[in-house]
């Protein structure tokens, strides 16, 4: 009998153990299925950015769906690349409201589950950037950031800048414009020495570059030569030229329309980078001159710089009488130089090579340098300081007659200014 009693006791113990384990494991599940659906979420329960505290699951789902619908009708999400923008349609988002409610952690913040059509986002991005840049676009990172914003139901957040999602290699090694001076003259040694010690200058995003700050202690001619090459490289970009000056006469070796005078005191070349990414000016000696190359992300538009037809202004002639010369004797003391006026304009083209805008950048004027001719006094003519009658032949030839107070020494009144 003892073995049978022991077996019965063991069997009872096993049954009790199984019962207790089953109740402890199955009980909460049964309770949750029968009772929990009618229990409100605790304080602090948030799905996305929507508080569902004190709401039942059904009520939470209804409130969340209403917020999603409101977001879809009012949200303004955009992609941007420099001057170009494109809207992200809210139809590209799919919100899993029921799943979000079921996965909500009672008393804690939880994620609003949302899905995004990445192929459609890629197509939108390709409207703003070139195919070469599109291949470097970090699409997964971009899509994740967009979904995070949507999951919080953000309506008017800042645009998603594609420049932040392009691989670093593409931003550093793309040459976007070039400027050069091909024939350095008396300033050659000074300019070459500067180039060798300043191989590059970085222009950070949303910052202003003052070129004079990099050329302290140099001659004005050398500074202006370097600045003019930089100005050439900056013009066919979306940079803003904040300050730029020209001389009274065009320095030798600098193309007409591209001079940028810098003297380290009053005159400077200052440019503003409106983009969010940095660009780098790289300097390199080439033959008897040097080249400036601007590296960075390709621009959203193509910029073409054109100089208009040059308008020339012939110099007048200042006549000086010298009593030491015989009547009828004359010589040219200064042959003068003709003046010039040129308009520089910037044309903007889109990715289809269509002209979208034209802007006059500058009107560079260099006044003429008047010629000086020294003549002997005519017989019976007293040296006076009077101007010839406009009807005289010399006045008709654009000349002024004057007797200087000192022999062959013209004063300021000998010059015609425009």
Protein backbone atom coordinates (compact mmCIF):
# COMPACT_ATOMS: atom_id res chain seq x y z
CA UNK A 1 0.00 0.00 0.00
CA UNK A 2 2.81 2.38 0.74
CA UNK A 3 4.10 2.44 -2.86
CA UNK A 4 0.57 3.15 -4.14
CA UNK A 5 0.04 5.98 -1.63
CA UNK A 6 3.37 7.49 -2.55
CA UNK A 7 2.49 7.35 -6.24
CA UNK A 8 -0.85 9.04 -5.62
CA UNK A 9 0.81 11.76 -3.59
CA UNK A 10 3.39 12.38 -6.31
CA UNK A 11 0.65 12.56 -8.94
CA UNK A 12 -1.31 15.10 -6.87
CA UNK A 13 1.81 17.22 -6.40
CA UNK A 14 2.49 17.18 -10.16
CA UNK A 15 -1.07 18.24 -10.97
CA UNK A 16 -0.93 21.08 -8.47
CA UNK A 17 2.38 22.26 -9.87
CA UNK A 18 1.05 22.24 -13.44
CA UNK A 19 -2.05 24.13 -12.35
CA UNK A 20 -0.09 26.84 -10.57
CA UNK A 21 2.27 27.30 -13.50
CA UNK A 22 -0.59 27.46 -15.98
CA UNK A 23 -2.49 30.01 -13.94
CA UNK A 24 0.59 32.21 -13.57
CA UNK A 25 1.36 32.09 -17.30
CA UNK A 26 -2.07 32.08 -18.90
CA UNK A 27 -3.86 34.25 -16.35
CA UNK A 28 -2.39 37.64 -17.43
CA UNK A 29 -3.05 36.84 -21.09
CA UNK A 30 -6.65 35.94 -20.41
CA UNK A 31 -7.06 39.01 -18.23
CA UNK A 32 -5.59 41.28 -20.92
CA UNK A 33 -7.84 39.79 -23.62
CA UNK A 34 -10.98 40.07 -21.50
CA UNK A 35 -10.37 43.20 -19.47
CA UNK A 36 -7.43 45.23 -20.77
CA UNK A 37 -9.17 46.38 -23.95
CA UNK A 38 -11.48 48.37 -21.75
CA UNK A 39 -8.61 49.85 -19.69
CA UNK A 40 -7.40 53.40 -20.43
CA UNK A 41 -3.76 54.16 -21.26
CA UNK A 42 -1.82 55.46 -18.29
CA UNK A 43 -0.46 58.99 -17.95
CA UNK A 44 2.63 59.60 -20.09
CA UNK A 45 1.54 57.34 -22.95
CA UNK A 46 2.46 59.07 -26.23
CA UNK A 47 2.34 57.68 -29.76
CA UNK A 48 4.54 59.77 -32.04
CA UNK A 49 3.72 63.26 -30.81
CA UNK A 50 0.12 62.47 -29.83
CA UNK A 51 -0.76 61.93 -26.17
CA UNK A 52 -3.26 59.08 -25.64
CA UNK A 53 -3.26 59.14 -21.84
CA UNK A 54 -6.66 58.15 -20.37
CA UNK A 55 -7.79 56.86 -23.79
CA UNK A 56 -8.79 53.29 -24.54
CA UNK A 57 -7.10 51.60 -27.48
CA UNK A 58 -10.10 52.21 -29.67
CA UNK A 59 -10.27 55.87 -28.68
CA UNK A 60 -6.50 56.22 -29.09
CA UNK A 61 -6.70 54.81 -32.62
CA UNK A 62 -9.47 57.24 -33.51
CA UNK A 63 -7.57 60.24 -32.14
CA UNK A 64 -4.35 59.17 -33.84
CA UNK A 65 -6.07 58.69 -37.20
CA UNK A 66 -7.65 62.13 -36.93
CA UNK A 67 -4.23 63.70 -36.28
CA UNK A 68 -2.75 61.82 -39.24
CA UNK A 69 -5.55 63.01 -41.54
CA UNK A 70 -5.05 66.58 -40.34
CA UNK A 71 -1.31 66.31 -40.97
CA UNK A 72 -1.82 64.99 -44.50
CA UNK A 73 -3.93 68.02 -45.43
CA UNK A 74 -1.67 70.68 -43.93
CA UNK A 75 1.91 69.36 -43.83
CA UNK A 76 4.51 71.07 -46.04
CA UNK A 77 7.63 68.97 -46.46
CA UNK A 78 10.14 69.93 -49.14
CA UNK A 79 13.45 68.88 -50.63
CA UNK A 80 15.90 71.67 -51.42
CA UNK A 81 19.17 71.97 -53.31
CA UNK A 82 20.60 75.48 -53.44
CA UNK A 83 17.97 77.60 -55.26
CA UNK A 84 15.77 74.66 -56.28
CA UNK A 85 12.96 73.15 -54.21
CA UNK A 86 10.34 70.44 -54.68
CA UNK A 87 7.44 69.46 -52.41
CA UNK A 88 7.14 65.97 -50.91
CA UNK A 89 3.49 64.85 -51.41
CA UNK A 90 1.90 63.41 -48.27
CA UNK A 91 0.45 60.60 -50.38
CA UNK A 92 3.92 59.04 -50.31
CA UNK A 93 3.43 58.22 -46.59
CA UNK A 94 1.54 55.23 -45.20
CA UNK A 95 0.68 55.38 -41.49
CA UNK A 96 0.07 52.13 -39.56
CA UNK A 97 -2.27 53.47 -36.90
CA UNK A 98 -3.62 50.16 -35.53
CA UNK A 99 -0.14 48.66 -35.37
CA UNK A 100 1.14 51.76 -33.57
CA UNK A 101 -1.63 51.52 -30.95
CA UNK A 102 -1.05 47.81 -30.37
CA UNK A 103 2.70 48.38 -29.94
CA UNK A 104 2.27 51.35 -27.61
CA UNK A 105 4.06 51.00 -24.27
CA UNK A 106 1.72 52.00 -21.45
CA UNK A 107 2.97 55.08 -19.63
CA UNK A 108 5.86 55.73 -22.08
CA UNK A 109 6.45 57.36 -25.49
CA UNK A 110 6.08 55.03 -28.47
CA UNK A 111 6.73 55.31 -32.19
CA UNK A 112 4.09 56.08 -34.78
CA UNK A 113 4.74 53.49 -37.48
CA UNK A 114 5.04 55.10 -40.92
CA UNK A 115 6.29 53.90 -44.29
CA UNK A 116 7.63 56.01 -47.18
CA UNK A 117 7.86 55.37 -50.92
CA UNK A 118 11.64 55.70 -51.33
CA UNK A 119 11.55 55.30 -55.10
CA UNK A 120 9.27 58.31 -55.35
CA UNK A 121 11.61 60.30 -53.09
CA UNK A 122 14.54 59.35 -55.32
CA UNK A 123 12.63 60.60 -58.36
CA UNK A 124 11.94 63.90 -56.59
CA UNK A 125 15.63 64.30 -55.73
CA UNK A 126 16.60 63.73 -59.36
CA UNK A 127 14.58 66.81 -60.26
CA UNK A 128 17.02 68.91 -58.22
CA UNK A 129 20.43 67.34 -58.78
CA UNK A 130 22.41 65.94 -61.70
CA UNK A 131 22.57 62.18 -62.36
CA UNK A 132 26.20 62.19 -61.19
CA UNK A 133 25.19 63.64 -57.83
CA UNK A 134 22.14 61.38 -57.62
CA UNK A 135 24.46 58.36 -57.69
CA UNK A 136 26.19 59.74 -54.56
CA UNK A 137 22.94 60.49 -52.74
CA UNK A 138 22.52 58.67 -49.41
CA UNK A 139 18.90 57.77 -50.09
CA UNK A 140 18.35 55.53 -47.04
CA UNK A 141 19.55 58.24 -44.66
CA UNK A 142 17.37 60.83 -46.38
CA UNK A 143 14.28 58.58 -46.29
CA UNK A 144 14.82 57.77 -42.60
CA UNK A 145 15.03 61.46 -41.68
CA UNK A 146 11.87 62.20 -43.65
CA UNK A 147 10.01 59.33 -41.94
CA UNK A 148 11.17 60.52 -38.51
CA UNK A 149 9.68 63.93 -39.22
CA UNK A 150 6.44 62.37 -40.46
CA UNK A 151 6.25 60.06 -37.43
CA UNK A 152 6.21 63.16 -35.22
CA UNK A 153 3.58 64.74 -37.49
CA UNK A 154 5.75 67.83 -38.04
CA UNK A 155 3.97 70.20 -40.40
CA UNK A 156 6.31 73.07 -41.26
CA UNK A 157 9.82 71.94 -40.54
CA UNK A 158 12.86 73.24 -42.42
CA UNK A 159 13.44 71.73 -45.88
CA UNK A 160 15.55 68.61 -46.30
CA UNK A 161 18.78 69.91 -47.86
CA UNK A 162 20.07 67.33 -50.34
CA UNK A 163 23.58 68.76 -49.99
CA UNK A 164 23.71 67.15 -46.53
CA UNK A 165 23.01 63.72 -48.01
CA UNK A 166 25.64 63.67 -50.76
CA UNK A 167 28.86 61.73 -50.19
CA UNK A 168 31.87 63.77 -49.11
CA UNK A 169 34.00 62.64 -52.04
CA UNK A 170 31.58 64.22 -54.50
CA UNK A 171 31.71 67.55 -52.65
CA UNK A 172 35.50 67.85 -52.46
CA UNK A 173 36.81 66.96 -55.91
CA UNK A 174 34.37 68.59 -58.32
CA UNK A 175 35.81 71.61 -60.13
CA UNK A 176 32.92 74.01 -60.73
CA UNK A 177 34.69 77.09 -62.16
CA UNK A 178 38.12 78.43 -63.10
CA UNK A 179 39.83 81.81 -63.32
CA UNK A 180 43.35 82.59 -64.54
CA UNK A 181 45.94 85.24 -65.28
CA UNK A 182 48.19 84.05 -68.10
CA UNK A 183 50.84 86.76 -68.27
CA UNK A 184 52.35 88.06 -65.05
CA UNK A 185 54.75 90.94 -65.47
CA UNK A 186 56.50 93.06 -62.85
CA UNK A 187 54.36 91.51 -60.11
CA UNK A 188 55.27 87.94 -61.09
CA UNK A 189 57.71 87.14 -58.28
CA UNK A 190 55.39 88.52 -55.60
CA UNK A 191 52.32 86.71 -56.93
CA UNK A 192 54.10 83.37 -57.41
CA UNK A 193 55.51 83.53 -53.87
CA UNK A 194 52.02 84.12 -52.49
CA UNK A 195 50.51 81.26 -54.51
CA UNK A 196 53.17 78.86 -53.26
CA UNK A 197 52.31 79.71 -49.64
CA UNK A 198 48.52 79.82 -50.11
CA UNK A 199 47.55 76.74 -52.06
CA UNK A 200 43.89 76.95 -51.03
CA UNK A 201 41.27 79.10 -49.29
CA UNK A 202 38.07 77.56 -47.91
CA UNK A 203 34.80 79.50 -48.11
CA UNK A 204 32.46 77.91 -45.58
CA UNK A 205 28.71 77.76 -46.15
CA UNK A 206 26.75 80.92 -45.33
CA UNK A 207 29.94 82.93 -44.74
CA UNK A 208 31.65 86.01 -46.18
CA UNK A 209 35.18 85.89 -47.62
CA UNK A 210 37.41 88.98 -47.44
CA UNK A 211 40.32 88.43 -49.81
CA UNK A 212 42.38 91.32 -48.41
CA UNK A 213 42.69 89.42 -45.13
CA UNK A 214 44.81 86.81 -46.92
CA UNK A 215 47.15 89.25 -48.70
CA UNK A 216 48.53 91.57 -46.06
CA UNK A 217 51.82 93.31 -46.78
CA UNK A 218 51.64 92.91 -50.56
CA UNK A 219 51.68 95.56 -53.26
CA UNK A 220 48.36 96.78 -54.59
CA UNK A 221 49.17 95.49 -58.09
CA UNK A 222 49.93 91.98 -56.83
CA UNK A 223 46.82 91.90 -54.64
CA UNK A 224 44.65 93.13 -57.50
CA UNK A 225 46.08 90.53 -59.86
CA UNK A 226 45.23 87.67 -57.49
CA UNK A 227 41.82 89.15 -56.70
CA UNK A 228 40.99 89.49 -60.40
CA UNK A 229 41.64 85.78 -60.97
CA UNK A 230 39.47 84.92 -57.96
CA UNK A 231 36.77 87.24 -59.30
CA UNK A 232 36.83 85.35 -62.61
CA UNK A 233 36.31 82.06 -60.77
CA UNK A 234 33.50 83.45 -58.60
CA UNK A 235 31.44 85.10 -61.35
CA UNK A 236 29.96 81.92 -62.99
CA UNK A 237 28.53 80.74 -59.63
CA UNK A 238 25.63 81.59 -57.35
CA UNK A 239 27.98 83.45 -54.98
CA UNK A 240 27.19 87.09 -54.20
CA UNK A 241 29.87 89.72 -54.84
CA UNK A 242 29.45 92.03 -51.85
CA UNK A 243 32.35 94.40 -52.57
CA UNK A 244 34.42 94.96 -55.68
CA UNK A 245 36.41 97.91 -57.07
CA UNK A 246 38.16 98.87 -60.31
CA UNK A 247 41.10 101.15 -61.09
CA UNK A 248 41.11 104.29 -63.24
CA UNK A 249 43.08 102.38 -65.86
CA UNK A 250 42.98 98.66 -66.61
CA UNK A 251 46.16 96.95 -65.34
CA UNK A 252 48.15 95.02 -67.93
CA UNK A 253 47.37 91.31 -68.09
CA UNK A 254 43.86 91.53 -66.57
CA UNK A 255 40.98 90.87 -68.99
CA UNK A 256 38.51 93.70 -69.49
CA UNK A 257 35.47 93.23 -67.27
CA UNK A 258 37.25 91.03 -64.73
CA UNK A 259 39.36 93.46 -62.71
CA UNK A 260 39.03 93.43 -58.93
CA UNK A 261 41.17 96.10 -57.28
CA UNK A 262 42.49 95.40 -53.78
CA UNK A 263 44.84 97.76 -51.98
CA UNK A 264 44.68 96.45 -48.41
CA UNK A 265 43.30 99.75 -47.10
CA UNK A 266 40.07 100.87 -48.72
CA UNK A 267 39.48 98.48 -51.60
CA UNK A 268 38.71 94.80 -51.05
CA UNK A 269 37.07 91.88 -52.84
CA UNK A 270 34.41 90.32 -50.62
CA UNK A 271 32.14 87.47 -51.68
CA UNK A 272 29.36 85.60 -49.88
CA UNK A 273 28.73 81.85 -50.15
CA UNK A 274 24.93 81.41 -49.91
CA UNK A 275 25.12 77.61 -49.93
CA UNK A 276 25.07 75.33 -46.90
CA UNK A 277 28.26 73.54 -47.98
CA UNK A 278 31.82 74.82 -48.17
CA UNK A 279 33.71 75.58 -51.38
CA UNK A 280 37.48 75.73 -51.80
CA UNK A 281 39.62 78.04 -53.95
CA UNK A 282 42.78 76.26 -55.07
CA UNK A 283 45.73 78.19 -56.54
CA UNK A 284 48.29 76.76 -58.95
CA UNK A 285 51.10 78.31 -61.01
CA UNK A 286 50.81 77.65 -64.74
CA UNK A 287 53.53 78.80 -67.14
CA UNK A 288 53.98 82.55 -66.82
CA UNK A 289 50.79 82.93 -64.80
CA UNK A 290 48.55 81.11 -62.36
CA UNK A 291 45.13 79.49 -62.17
CA UNK A 292 42.35 79.58 -59.55
CA UNK A 293 39.95 76.61 -59.41
CA UNK A 294 36.79 76.54 -57.31
CA UNK A 295 35.93 73.09 -55.90
CA UNK A 296 32.64 72.01 -54.37
CA UNK A 297 29.19 70.69 -55.15
CA UNK A 298 27.93 71.34 -58.69
CA UNK A 299 25.47 74.19 -58.86
CA UNK A 300 21.75 73.75 -59.40
CA UNK A 301 21.94 76.05 -62.42
CA UNK A 302 24.59 76.74 -65.05
CA UNK A 303 25.94 80.29 -65.12
CA UNK A 304 27.49 81.82 -68.25
CA UNK A 305 29.36 85.14 -68.10
CA UNK A 306 29.34 87.33 -71.20
CA UNK A 307 30.98 90.68 -71.87
CA UNK A 308 29.18 93.08 -74.17
CA UNK A 309 30.63 95.07 -77.02
CA UNK A 310 33.31 97.45 -75.81
CA UNK A 311 32.54 101.15 -76.23
CA UNK A 312 35.66 103.23 -76.80
CA UNK A 313 36.21 106.89 -75.95
CA UNK A 314 39.03 108.59 -77.90
CA UNK A 315 41.32 110.80 -75.85
CA UNK A 316 41.28 114.56 -76.24
CA UNK A 317 44.46 116.50 -76.82
CA UNK A 318 45.78 119.03 -74.33
CA UNK A 319 47.94 121.63 -76.11
CA UNK A 320 50.75 123.32 -74.21
CA UNK A 321 52.69 126.27 -75.65
CA UNK A 322 56.41 126.47 -75.01
CA UNK A 323 58.14 129.77 -75.84
CA UNK A 324 61.45 127.95 -76.22
CA UNK A 325 60.13 126.21 -79.33
CA UNK A 326 60.15 127.86 -82.74
CA UNK A 327 56.85 128.76 -84.35
CA UNK A 328 55.40 125.69 -86.00
CA UNK A 329 57.49 123.29 -83.93
CA UNK A 330 55.57 120.70 -81.91
CA UNK A 331 56.02 117.33 -80.31
CA UNK A 332 53.80 114.80 -78.54
CA UNK A 333 54.62 114.70 -74.89
CA UNK A 334 52.05 112.02 -74.02
CA UNK A 335 50.11 110.05 -76.63
CA UNK A 336 47.30 109.32 -74.15
CA UNK A 337 45.04 106.30 -74.10
CA UNK A 338 41.46 105.72 -75.18
CA UNK A 339 38.76 105.12 -72.60
CA UNK A 340 36.65 101.96 -72.45
CA UNK A 341 33.20 100.95 -71.22
CA UNK A 342 32.02 97.34 -71.08
CA UNK A 343 28.95 95.67 -69.62
CA UNK A 344 29.26 92.24 -68.02
CA UNK A 345 26.17 90.08 -67.68
CA UNK A 346 25.37 86.68 -66.20
CA UNK A 347 23.03 84.26 -67.96
CA UNK A 348 21.39 81.46 -65.95
CA UNK A 349 20.40 78.16 -67.57
CA UNK A 350 18.50 75.18 -66.17
CA UNK A 351 19.32 71.49 -66.60
CA UNK A 352 17.63 71.54 -70.03
CA UNK A 353 19.90 74.36 -71.24
CA UNK A 354 16.95 76.75 -71.19
CA UNK A 355 17.65 80.38 -70.32
CA UNK A 356 15.88 81.25 -67.07
CA UNK A 357 17.37 84.66 -66.32
CA UNK A 358 19.84 87.39 -67.29
CA UNK A 359 21.48 89.82 -64.89
CA UNK A 360 23.83 92.74 -65.53
CA UNK A 361 26.76 92.20 -63.19
CA UNK A 362 28.76 95.35 -63.79
CA UNK A 363 29.49 98.27 -66.09
CA UNK A 364 33.24 98.82 -66.00
CA UNK A 365 34.38 102.25 -67.20
CA UNK A 366 37.97 103.35 -67.68
CA UNK A 367 38.17 107.07 -68.61
CA UNK A 368 40.48 108.12 -71.43
CA UNK A 369 43.95 109.42 -70.66
CA UNK A 370 44.28 112.58 -72.71
CA UNK A 371 47.17 113.22 -75.04
CA UNK A 372 49.55 116.14 -74.45
CA UNK A 373 51.12 118.08 -77.31
CA UNK A 374 53.72 120.82 -76.84
CA UNK A 375 53.89 123.58 -79.49
CA UNK A 376 55.92 126.66 -80.17
CA UNK A 377 54.28 130.10 -80.02
CA UNK A 378 52.95 131.52 -83.27
CA UNK A 379 54.42 134.84 -84.38
CA UNK A 380 52.56 137.77 -82.91
CA UNK A 381 50.81 135.60 -80.31
CA UNK A 382 51.31 136.38 -76.66
CA UNK A 383 51.38 133.44 -74.23
CA UNK A 384 48.02 133.53 -72.49
CA UNK A 385 45.90 131.09 -70.47
CA UNK A 386 42.86 131.11 -72.68
CA UNK A 387 40.94 128.35 -74.36
CA UNK A 388 40.53 128.36 -78.09
CA UNK A 389 37.16 129.30 -79.55
CA UNK A 390 35.00 126.20 -80.12
CA UNK A 391 34.73 127.23 -83.77
CA UNK A 392 38.47 126.91 -84.30
CA UNK A 393 39.80 123.93 -86.15
CA UNK A 394 41.72 122.68 -83.16
CA UNK A 395 38.64 122.69 -80.96
CA UNK A 396 36.78 120.82 -83.67
CA UNK A 397 39.50 118.19 -83.43
CA UNK A 398 38.73 117.76 -79.75
CA UNK A 399 41.74 119.76 -78.54
CA UNK A 400 42.20 122.37 -75.81
CA UNK A 401 44.79 125.14 -76.09
CA UNK A 402 46.59 126.25 -72.94
CA UNK A 403 49.82 127.94 -71.95
CA UNK A 404 51.37 126.30 -68.89
CA UNK A 405 52.79 128.40 -66.10
CA UNK A 406 55.90 126.24 -66.02
CA UNK A 407 57.68 124.93 -69.03
CA UNK A 408 56.32 121.51 -70.10
CA UNK A 409 54.77 120.96 -66.66
CA UNK A 410 51.00 120.33 -67.05
CA UNK A 411 48.90 120.89 -63.96
CA UNK A 412 45.64 119.25 -62.93
CA UNK A 413 43.61 121.49 -65.27
CA UNK A 414 45.35 119.86 -68.23
CA UNK A 415 43.21 116.73 -67.81
CA UNK A 416 39.71 116.17 -69.08
CA UNK A 417 37.64 114.03 -66.76
CA UNK A 418 34.38 112.34 -67.61
